[in-house]
Every structure is written in C-alpha cells, then in structure tokens.
N, C-alpha and C. Protein backbone atom coordinates (compact mmCIF):
# COMPACT_ATOMS: atom_id res chain seq x y z
N UNK A 1 -21.18 -12.36 5.22
CA UNK A 1 -21.03 -13.72 4.79
C UNK A 1 -19.71 -13.86 4.01
N UNK A 2 -18.92 -14.86 4.38
CA UNK A 2 -17.64 -15.07 3.72
C UNK A 2 -17.81 -15.90 2.46
N UNK A 3 -17.11 -15.52 1.44
CA UNK A 3 -17.11 -16.32 0.24
C UNK A 3 -16.01 -17.38 0.35
N UNK A 4 -16.05 -18.35 -0.50
CA UNK A 4 -15.03 -19.41 -0.50
C UNK A 4 -13.66 -18.79 -0.79
N UNK A 5 -13.63 -17.84 -1.70
CA UNK A 5 -12.37 -17.18 -2.05
C UNK A 5 -11.77 -16.45 -0.85
N UNK A 6 -12.61 -15.75 -0.07
CA UNK A 6 -12.14 -15.04 1.12
C UNK A 6 -11.61 -16.02 2.16
N UNK A 7 -12.31 -17.14 2.33
CA UNK A 7 -11.88 -18.14 3.31
C UNK A 7 -10.54 -18.75 2.93
N UNK A 8 -10.33 -19.02 1.64
CA UNK A 8 -9.05 -19.55 1.17
C UNK A 8 -7.93 -18.54 1.39
N UNK A 9 -8.22 -17.28 1.13
CA UNK A 9 -7.22 -16.23 1.32
C UNK A 9 -6.83 -16.12 2.80
N UNK A 10 -7.81 -16.16 3.69
CA UNK A 10 -7.55 -16.09 5.13
C UNK A 10 -6.71 -17.28 5.58
N UNK A 11 -7.05 -18.48 5.10
CA UNK A 11 -6.29 -19.68 5.46
C UNK A 11 -4.85 -19.57 4.97
N UNK A 12 -4.68 -19.07 3.75
CA UNK A 12 -3.33 -18.92 3.19
C UNK A 12 -2.52 -17.93 4.02
N UNK A 13 -3.13 -16.78 4.39
CA UNK A 13 -2.43 -15.79 5.20
C UNK A 13 -2.05 -16.38 6.56
N UNK A 14 -2.97 -17.12 7.16
CA UNK A 14 -2.70 -17.74 8.47
C UNK A 14 -1.56 -18.75 8.35
N UNK A 15 -1.58 -19.56 7.29
CA UNK A 15 -0.52 -20.55 7.07
C UNK A 15 0.84 -19.86 6.91
N UNK A 16 0.90 -18.81 6.10
CA UNK A 16 2.17 -18.11 5.88
C UNK A 16 2.68 -17.46 7.17
N UNK A 17 1.77 -16.88 7.96
CA UNK A 17 2.18 -16.27 9.22
C UNK A 17 2.70 -17.33 10.19
N UNK A 18 2.04 -18.47 10.26
CA UNK A 18 2.49 -19.55 11.13
C UNK A 18 3.82 -20.09 10.66
N UNK A 19 3.99 -20.25 9.37
CA UNK A 19 5.23 -20.75 8.80
C UNK A 19 6.40 -19.82 9.13
N UNK A 20 6.21 -18.52 8.93
CA UNK A 20 7.30 -17.58 9.22
C UNK A 20 7.60 -17.53 10.71
N UNK A 21 6.58 -17.65 11.53
CA UNK A 21 6.78 -17.64 12.98
C UNK A 21 7.58 -18.87 13.42
N UNK A 22 7.18 -20.04 12.96
CA UNK A 22 7.85 -21.28 13.34
C UNK A 22 9.28 -21.34 12.80
N UNK A 23 9.51 -20.82 11.62
CA UNK A 23 10.84 -20.86 11.00
C UNK A 23 11.67 -19.64 11.37
N UNK A 24 11.10 -18.75 12.17
CA UNK A 24 11.77 -17.51 12.59
C UNK A 24 12.23 -16.66 11.39
N UNK A 25 11.37 -16.58 10.40
CA UNK A 25 11.61 -15.76 9.21
C UNK A 25 10.95 -14.41 9.45
N UNK A 26 11.62 -13.30 9.13
CA UNK A 26 11.00 -11.98 9.33
C UNK A 26 9.70 -11.87 8.54
N UNK A 27 8.66 -11.32 9.19
CA UNK A 27 7.34 -11.21 8.55
C UNK A 27 7.34 -10.24 7.38
N UNK A 28 8.29 -9.30 7.34
CA UNK A 28 8.30 -8.36 6.22
C UNK A 28 8.72 -9.02 4.92
N UNK A 29 9.17 -10.27 4.97
CA UNK A 29 9.52 -10.99 3.74
C UNK A 29 8.32 -11.69 3.12
N UNK A 30 7.18 -11.72 3.83
CA UNK A 30 5.98 -12.34 3.28
C UNK A 30 5.45 -11.52 2.12
N UNK A 31 4.97 -12.18 1.07
CA UNK A 31 4.38 -11.42 -0.03
C UNK A 31 3.17 -10.63 0.45
N UNK A 32 3.07 -9.40 0.00
CA UNK A 32 1.92 -8.58 0.36
C UNK A 32 2.11 -7.75 1.61
N UNK A 33 3.11 -8.05 2.42
CA UNK A 33 3.33 -7.25 3.62
C UNK A 33 4.01 -5.94 3.27
N UNK A 34 3.56 -4.88 3.92
CA UNK A 34 4.13 -3.56 3.71
C UNK A 34 5.09 -3.25 4.85
N UNK A 35 6.22 -2.67 4.54
CA UNK A 35 7.20 -2.30 5.54
C UNK A 35 7.25 -0.77 5.61
N UNK A 36 7.02 -0.23 6.81
CA UNK A 36 7.06 1.21 7.04
C UNK A 36 8.21 1.49 7.99
N UNK A 37 9.18 2.29 7.55
CA UNK A 37 10.34 2.62 8.38
C UNK A 37 10.36 4.12 8.64
N UNK A 38 10.31 4.48 9.92
CA UNK A 38 10.36 5.89 10.32
C UNK A 38 11.76 6.24 10.81
N UNK A 39 12.22 7.41 10.43
CA UNK A 39 13.46 7.96 10.96
C UNK A 39 13.08 9.24 11.67
N UNK A 40 12.92 9.14 12.98
CA UNK A 40 12.46 10.29 13.75
C UNK A 40 11.11 10.76 13.25
N UNK A 41 10.92 12.07 13.24
CA UNK A 41 9.68 12.65 12.71
C UNK A 41 9.89 13.28 11.35
N UNK A 42 11.02 13.02 10.73
CA UNK A 42 11.35 13.73 9.50
C UNK A 42 11.32 12.88 8.23
N UNK A 43 11.27 11.56 8.37
CA UNK A 43 11.38 10.72 7.18
C UNK A 43 10.64 9.40 7.38
N UNK A 44 9.96 8.96 6.34
CA UNK A 44 9.33 7.64 6.34
C UNK A 44 9.57 6.99 4.98
N UNK A 45 9.94 5.71 5.02
CA UNK A 45 10.12 4.93 3.80
C UNK A 45 9.09 3.81 3.83
N UNK A 46 8.34 3.70 2.75
CA UNK A 46 7.28 2.70 2.65
C UNK A 46 7.64 1.75 1.51
N UNK A 47 7.67 0.47 1.83
CA UNK A 47 7.99 -0.55 0.84
C UNK A 47 6.78 -1.44 0.60
N UNK A 48 6.61 -1.85 -0.63
CA UNK A 48 5.55 -2.76 -1.05
C UNK A 48 4.16 -2.14 -0.90
N UNK A 49 3.95 -1.03 -1.56
CA UNK A 49 2.64 -0.38 -1.57
C UNK A 49 2.01 -0.55 -2.95
N UNK A 50 0.71 -0.29 -3.03
CA UNK A 50 0.00 -0.45 -4.30
C UNK A 50 -0.19 0.85 -5.06
N UNK A 51 -0.47 1.94 -4.32
CA UNK A 51 -0.70 3.21 -5.01
C UNK A 51 -0.93 4.35 -4.04
N UNK A 52 -0.92 5.56 -4.60
CA UNK A 52 -1.17 6.77 -3.83
C UNK A 52 -2.62 7.19 -4.06
N UNK A 53 -3.39 7.30 -2.99
CA UNK A 53 -4.79 7.68 -3.10
C UNK A 53 -5.01 9.18 -2.94
N UNK A 54 -4.22 9.80 -2.07
CA UNK A 54 -4.36 11.24 -1.82
C UNK A 54 -3.00 11.78 -1.40
N UNK A 55 -2.69 12.99 -1.90
CA UNK A 55 -1.40 13.59 -1.57
C UNK A 55 -1.52 15.10 -1.51
N UNK A 56 -1.28 15.65 -0.32
CA UNK A 56 -1.17 17.09 -0.12
C UNK A 56 0.04 17.32 0.76
N UNK A 57 0.34 18.57 1.05
CA UNK A 57 1.49 18.87 1.90
C UNK A 57 1.21 18.53 3.37
N UNK A 58 -0.06 18.18 3.69
CA UNK A 58 -0.40 17.84 5.07
C UNK A 58 -0.94 16.42 5.25
N UNK A 59 -1.22 15.73 4.14
CA UNK A 59 -1.76 14.37 4.25
C UNK A 59 -1.38 13.54 3.04
N UNK A 60 -1.03 12.27 3.32
CA UNK A 60 -0.72 11.31 2.27
C UNK A 60 -1.44 10.01 2.62
N UNK A 61 -2.25 9.51 1.70
CA UNK A 61 -2.93 8.23 1.91
C UNK A 61 -2.43 7.27 0.85
N UNK A 62 -1.94 6.12 1.33
CA UNK A 62 -1.34 5.11 0.46
C UNK A 62 -2.13 3.82 0.59
N UNK A 63 -2.39 3.18 -0.52
CA UNK A 63 -3.08 1.88 -0.52
C UNK A 63 -2.03 0.78 -0.54
N UNK A 64 -2.22 -0.21 0.33
CA UNK A 64 -1.38 -1.39 0.32
C UNK A 64 -2.27 -2.58 -0.01
N UNK A 65 -1.72 -3.75 -0.03
CA UNK A 65 -2.54 -4.93 -0.35
C UNK A 65 -3.49 -5.29 0.78
N UNK A 66 -3.21 -4.81 2.01
CA UNK A 66 -4.05 -5.18 3.15
C UNK A 66 -4.73 -4.02 3.85
N UNK A 67 -4.27 -2.80 3.62
CA UNK A 67 -4.85 -1.66 4.34
C UNK A 67 -4.48 -0.36 3.64
N UNK A 68 -5.03 0.72 4.19
CA UNK A 68 -4.62 2.06 3.79
C UNK A 68 -3.72 2.60 4.90
N UNK A 69 -2.70 3.33 4.50
CA UNK A 69 -1.81 3.98 5.46
C UNK A 69 -1.96 5.47 5.26
N UNK A 70 -2.26 6.18 6.35
CA UNK A 70 -2.40 7.63 6.28
C UNK A 70 -1.27 8.27 7.07
N UNK A 71 -0.56 9.16 6.41
CA UNK A 71 0.51 9.92 7.04
C UNK A 71 0.07 11.37 7.08
N UNK A 72 0.08 11.95 8.27
CA UNK A 72 -0.28 13.36 8.36
C UNK A 72 0.86 14.13 9.00
N UNK A 73 0.95 15.40 8.64
CA UNK A 73 2.03 16.24 9.15
C UNK A 73 2.03 17.58 8.44
N UNK A 74 3.20 18.17 8.38
CA UNK A 74 3.36 19.47 7.72
C UNK A 74 4.52 19.39 6.73
N UNK A 75 4.35 20.08 5.63
CA UNK A 75 5.39 20.15 4.59
C UNK A 75 5.77 18.77 4.08
N UNK A 76 4.79 17.86 3.96
CA UNK A 76 5.07 16.52 3.46
C UNK A 76 5.45 16.59 1.98
N UNK A 77 6.45 15.83 1.65
CA UNK A 77 6.94 15.81 0.27
C UNK A 77 7.39 14.40 -0.08
N UNK A 78 6.94 13.92 -1.21
CA UNK A 78 7.41 12.62 -1.70
C UNK A 78 8.73 12.88 -2.42
N UNK A 79 9.82 12.43 -1.81
CA UNK A 79 11.15 12.64 -2.41
C UNK A 79 11.35 11.77 -3.64
N UNK A 80 10.92 10.52 -3.54
CA UNK A 80 10.95 9.64 -4.69
C UNK A 80 9.92 8.54 -4.49
N UNK A 81 9.47 7.98 -5.57
CA UNK A 81 8.63 6.79 -5.50
C UNK A 81 8.92 5.94 -6.72
N UNK A 82 8.96 4.66 -6.47
CA UNK A 82 9.19 3.68 -7.52
C UNK A 82 8.05 2.66 -7.43
N UNK A 83 8.17 1.61 -8.16
CA UNK A 83 7.11 0.60 -8.20
C UNK A 83 6.78 0.06 -6.81
N UNK A 84 7.78 -0.16 -5.96
CA UNK A 84 7.53 -0.79 -4.68
C UNK A 84 8.05 -0.01 -3.47
N UNK A 85 8.60 1.18 -3.68
CA UNK A 85 9.15 1.92 -2.53
C UNK A 85 9.00 3.41 -2.73
N UNK A 86 8.76 4.12 -1.62
CA UNK A 86 8.72 5.57 -1.67
C UNK A 86 9.32 6.15 -0.41
N UNK A 87 9.82 7.38 -0.54
CA UNK A 87 10.38 8.10 0.60
C UNK A 87 9.62 9.42 0.75
N UNK A 88 9.16 9.67 1.97
CA UNK A 88 8.41 10.88 2.28
C UNK A 88 9.16 11.63 3.38
N UNK A 89 9.32 12.94 3.20
CA UNK A 89 9.96 13.75 4.22
C UNK A 89 9.01 14.87 4.64
N UNK A 90 9.36 15.54 5.72
CA UNK A 90 8.56 16.62 6.27
C UNK A 90 8.46 16.44 7.77
N UNK A 91 7.58 17.16 8.40
CA UNK A 91 7.33 16.98 9.83
C UNK A 91 6.19 15.98 9.97
N UNK A 92 6.53 14.74 10.26
CA UNK A 92 5.54 13.67 10.34
C UNK A 92 4.95 13.67 11.74
N UNK A 93 3.63 13.86 11.81
CA UNK A 93 2.95 13.93 13.10
C UNK A 93 2.21 12.65 13.45
N UNK A 94 1.76 11.91 12.43
CA UNK A 94 0.96 10.71 12.71
C UNK A 94 1.03 9.75 11.53
N UNK A 95 1.12 8.47 11.84
CA UNK A 95 1.01 7.40 10.84
C UNK A 95 -0.07 6.46 11.35
N UNK A 96 -1.11 6.25 10.55
CA UNK A 96 -2.20 5.37 10.98
C UNK A 96 -2.53 4.36 9.89
N UNK A 97 -3.02 3.22 10.35
CA UNK A 97 -3.36 2.11 9.47
C UNK A 97 -4.87 1.89 9.55
N UNK A 98 -5.50 1.77 8.39
CA UNK A 98 -6.95 1.56 8.33
C UNK A 98 -7.21 0.29 7.55
N UNK A 99 -7.57 -0.76 8.26
CA UNK A 99 -7.88 -2.05 7.61
C UNK A 99 -9.32 -2.02 7.12
N UNK A 100 -9.57 -2.58 5.96
CA UNK A 100 -10.96 -2.65 5.49
C UNK A 100 -11.76 -3.60 6.36
N UNK A 101 -13.03 -3.33 6.50
CA UNK A 101 -13.91 -4.22 7.29
C UNK A 101 -14.17 -5.47 6.50
N UNK A 102 -14.09 -6.62 7.19
CA UNK A 102 -14.33 -7.90 6.51
C UNK A 102 -15.54 -8.58 7.08
C-alpha cells in the first residue's frame, strides 16, 4: 500500500524526469541521481552517494538515494572519498544496482 508521501515522491520524480527529457537536460544533473563512471576494468568514480555499507578487497557496497550499488572484483581499493564522490581502483569484475522493493 502506497502512502501519500510515497505517491508525492513518485510524482515529483516523474515530473523531474519528464522536465529534463523535454528540455534535453542531462539526467545526471537531477538531484539524487548517482553518476557511475567506469574507466575500463581498473577504475570507477561514483558521484552523489550516501554512504559505504560494506568494504573489502573483493566487494564494495554503496548506498545511494535510490539504490545500492555493489562493485565486485579483486584488489579493490578506495583511493579517495569525499562527501559526494569516491574513486575505486582494482580489477573490477561487476557493477550491479539493487533497487529497494516498493
């Protein structure tokens, strides 16, 4: 069952997506959107994340405002992280997105 708050949030997200589409504005400029940039299999930069949930040399799970992002590989290392951006290096084998069930 959807709450009124959830319905308003969905409508707002739909409105913003339609607005950016019609105005041809890049979707990564929307508030709350996460940008993941891969450079081959050796580097990933994640922008606009909320926090780190799990970190080992073989797995990194990051929370964003809309989903969890799981990066798996070998010799994973967080080179730097700041409030809204992080850089991960290593042999990146998989990047997956897990949206919460609504």
